[in-house]
Amino acid sequence: MRYEMELEESVVSIALSNDGKYLLANVSLKEPRLELYDLGEKASKKAELVRKYKGGHKQTMYVLRCAFGGA
């Protein structure tokens, strides 16, 4: 399945939720942040930005990969 996403910066890593409804992206090396996208209805093929998480991590020497956690 293909989805369209317009991002102005580099994507460092991505993770897909177990149910396939959400995509988590680690975006930008300059100002690192996580962005959560709702993949919505498969017919629309448009990913909608739900939330941005910033200020919690820095990428200097190592690249941080994003992932969905458990309970």
C-alpha atoms as a PDB file:
ATOM      1  CA  MET A   1       0.000   0.000   0.000  1.00  0.00           C
ATOM      2  CA  ARG A   2       1.337   3.443  -0.834  1.00  0.00           C
ATOM      3  CA  TYR A   3       0.655   6.656   1.061  1.00  0.00           C
ATOM      4  CA  GLU A   4       1.524  10.251   0.281  1.00  0.00           C
ATOM      5  CA  MET A   5       3.324  12.376   2.856  1.00  0.00           C
ATOM      6  CA  GLU A   6       4.774  15.817   2.413  1.00  0.00           C
ATOM      7  CA  LEU A   7       7.807  16.340   4.616  1.00  0.00           C
ATOM      8  CA  GLU A   8      10.197  19.260   4.367  1.00  0.00           C
ATOM      9  CA  GLU A   9      13.025  17.530   6.249  1.00  0.00           C
ATOM     10  CA  SER A  10      14.874  14.232   6.301  1.00  0.00           C
ATOM     11  CA  VAL A  11      13.256  11.140   7.743  1.00  0.00           C
ATOM     12  CA  VAL A  12      15.739   9.292   9.965  1.00  0.00           C
ATOM     13  CA  SER A  13      13.588   6.252  10.798  1.00  0.00           C
ATOM     14  CA  ILE A  14       9.983   5.077  10.749  1.00  0.00           C
ATOM     15  CA  ALA A  15       7.882   2.525  12.646  1.00  0.00           C
ATOM     16  CA  LEU A  16       4.461   1.150  11.774  1.00  0.00           C
ATOM     17  CA  SER A  17       2.000   0.215  14.547  1.00  0.00           C
ATOM     18  CA  ASN A  18       0.999  -3.454  14.850  1.00  0.00           C
ATOM     19  CA  ASP A  19      -2.495  -2.732  13.522  1.00  0.00           C
ATOM     20  CA  GLY A  20      -1.114  -0.699  10.589  1.00  0.00           C
ATOM     21  CA  LYS A  21      -3.107   2.418  11.502  1.00  0.00           C
ATOM     22  CA  TYR A  22      -0.272   4.668  12.676  1.00  0.00           C
ATOM     23  CA  LEU A  23       3.182   5.592  11.462  1.00  0.00           C
ATOM     24  CA  LEU A  24       5.809   7.065  13.775  1.00  0.00           C
ATOM     25  CA  ALA A  25       8.621   8.994  12.100  1.00  0.00           C
ATOM     26  CA  ASN A  26      11.877  10.318  13.536  1.00  0.00           C
ATOM     27  CA  VAL A  27      12.307  13.506  11.518  1.00  0.00           C
ATOM     28  CA  SER A  28      15.227  15.910  11.008  1.00  0.00           C
ATOM     29  CA  LEU A  29      18.796  15.772  12.196  1.00  0.00           C
ATOM     30  CA  LYS A  30      18.922  19.532  12.880  1.00  0.00           C
ATOM     31  CA  GLU A  31      15.889  19.742  15.189  1.00  0.00           C
ATOM     32  CA  PRO A  32      15.012  16.113  16.076  1.00  0.00           C
ATOM     33  CA  ARG A  33      11.384  15.272  16.742  1.00  0.00           C
ATOM     34  CA  LEU A  34       8.958  12.409  16.436  1.00  0.00           C
ATOM     35  CA  GLU A  35       5.838  12.796  14.318  1.00  0.00           C
ATOM     36  CA  LEU A  36       2.819  10.501  14.626  1.00  0.00           C
ATOM     37  CA  TYR A  37       0.697  10.021  11.500  1.00  0.00           C
ATOM     38  CA  ASP A  38      -2.748   8.460  11.206  1.00  0.00           C
ATOM     39  CA  LEU A  39      -2.822   6.457   8.006  1.00  0.00           C
ATOM     40  CA  GLY A  40      -6.617   6.636   8.042  1.00  0.00           C
ATOM     41  CA  GLU A  41      -8.762   5.012   5.413  1.00  0.00           C
ATOM     42  CA  LYS A  42      -6.744   3.069   2.883  1.00  0.00           C
ATOM     43  CA  ALA A  43      -8.900   4.464   0.081  1.00  0.00           C
ATOM     44  CA  SER A  44      -7.717   8.059   0.700  1.00  0.00           C
ATOM     45  CA  LYS A  45      -4.014   7.151   0.800  1.00  0.00           C
ATOM     46  CA  LYS A  46      -3.302  10.385   2.694  1.00  0.00           C
ATOM     47  CA  ALA A  47      -1.422  10.297   5.987  1.00  0.00           C
ATOM     48  CA  GLU A  48      -2.624  12.869   8.529  1.00  0.00           C
ATOM     49  CA  LEU A  49      -0.235  14.352  11.101  1.00  0.00           C
ATOM     50  CA  VAL A  50      -1.707  13.670  14.546  1.00  0.00           C
ATOM     51  CA  ARG A  51       0.983  14.849  16.952  1.00  0.00           C
ATOM     52  CA  LYS A  52       4.588  16.094  17.183  1.00  0.00           C
ATOM     53  CA  TYR A  53       6.899  15.146  20.030  1.00  0.00           C
ATOM     54  CA  LYS A  54       9.956  17.375  20.463  1.00  0.00           C
ATOM     55  CA  GLY A  55      12.579  18.257  23.010  1.00  0.00           C
ATOM     56  CA  GLY A  56      13.010  14.762  24.432  1.00  0.00           C
ATOM     57  CA  HIS A  57      16.025  13.515  22.503  1.00  0.00           C
ATOM     58  CA  LYS A  58      19.189  14.683  20.770  1.00  0.00           C
ATOM     59  CA  GLN A  59      21.042  13.018  17.939  1.00  0.00           C
ATOM     60  CA  THR A  60      24.723  13.751  17.988  1.00  0.00           C
ATOM     61  CA  MET A  61      27.008  10.757  17.744  1.00  0.00           C
ATOM     62  CA  TYR A  62      24.321   8.075  17.348  1.00  0.00           C
ATOM     63  CA  VAL A  63      21.142   7.798  15.295  1.00  0.00           C
ATOM     64  CA  LEU A  64      18.048   7.100  17.378  1.00  0.00           C
ATOM     65  CA  ARG A  65      15.434   4.789  15.897  1.00  0.00           C
ATOM     66  CA  CYS A  66      11.752   5.205  16.709  1.00  0.00           C
ATOM     67  CA  ALA A  67       9.453   2.373  17.821  1.00  0.00           C
ATOM     68  CA  PHE A  68       6.069   1.719  19.388  1.00  0.00           C
ATOM     69  CA  GLY A  69       6.355   0.438  22.952  1.00  0.00           C
ATOM     70  CA  GLY A  70       4.336  -1.928  25.031  1.00  0.00           C
ATOM     71  CA  ALA A  71       2.410  -1.504  28.265  1.00  0.00           C
END
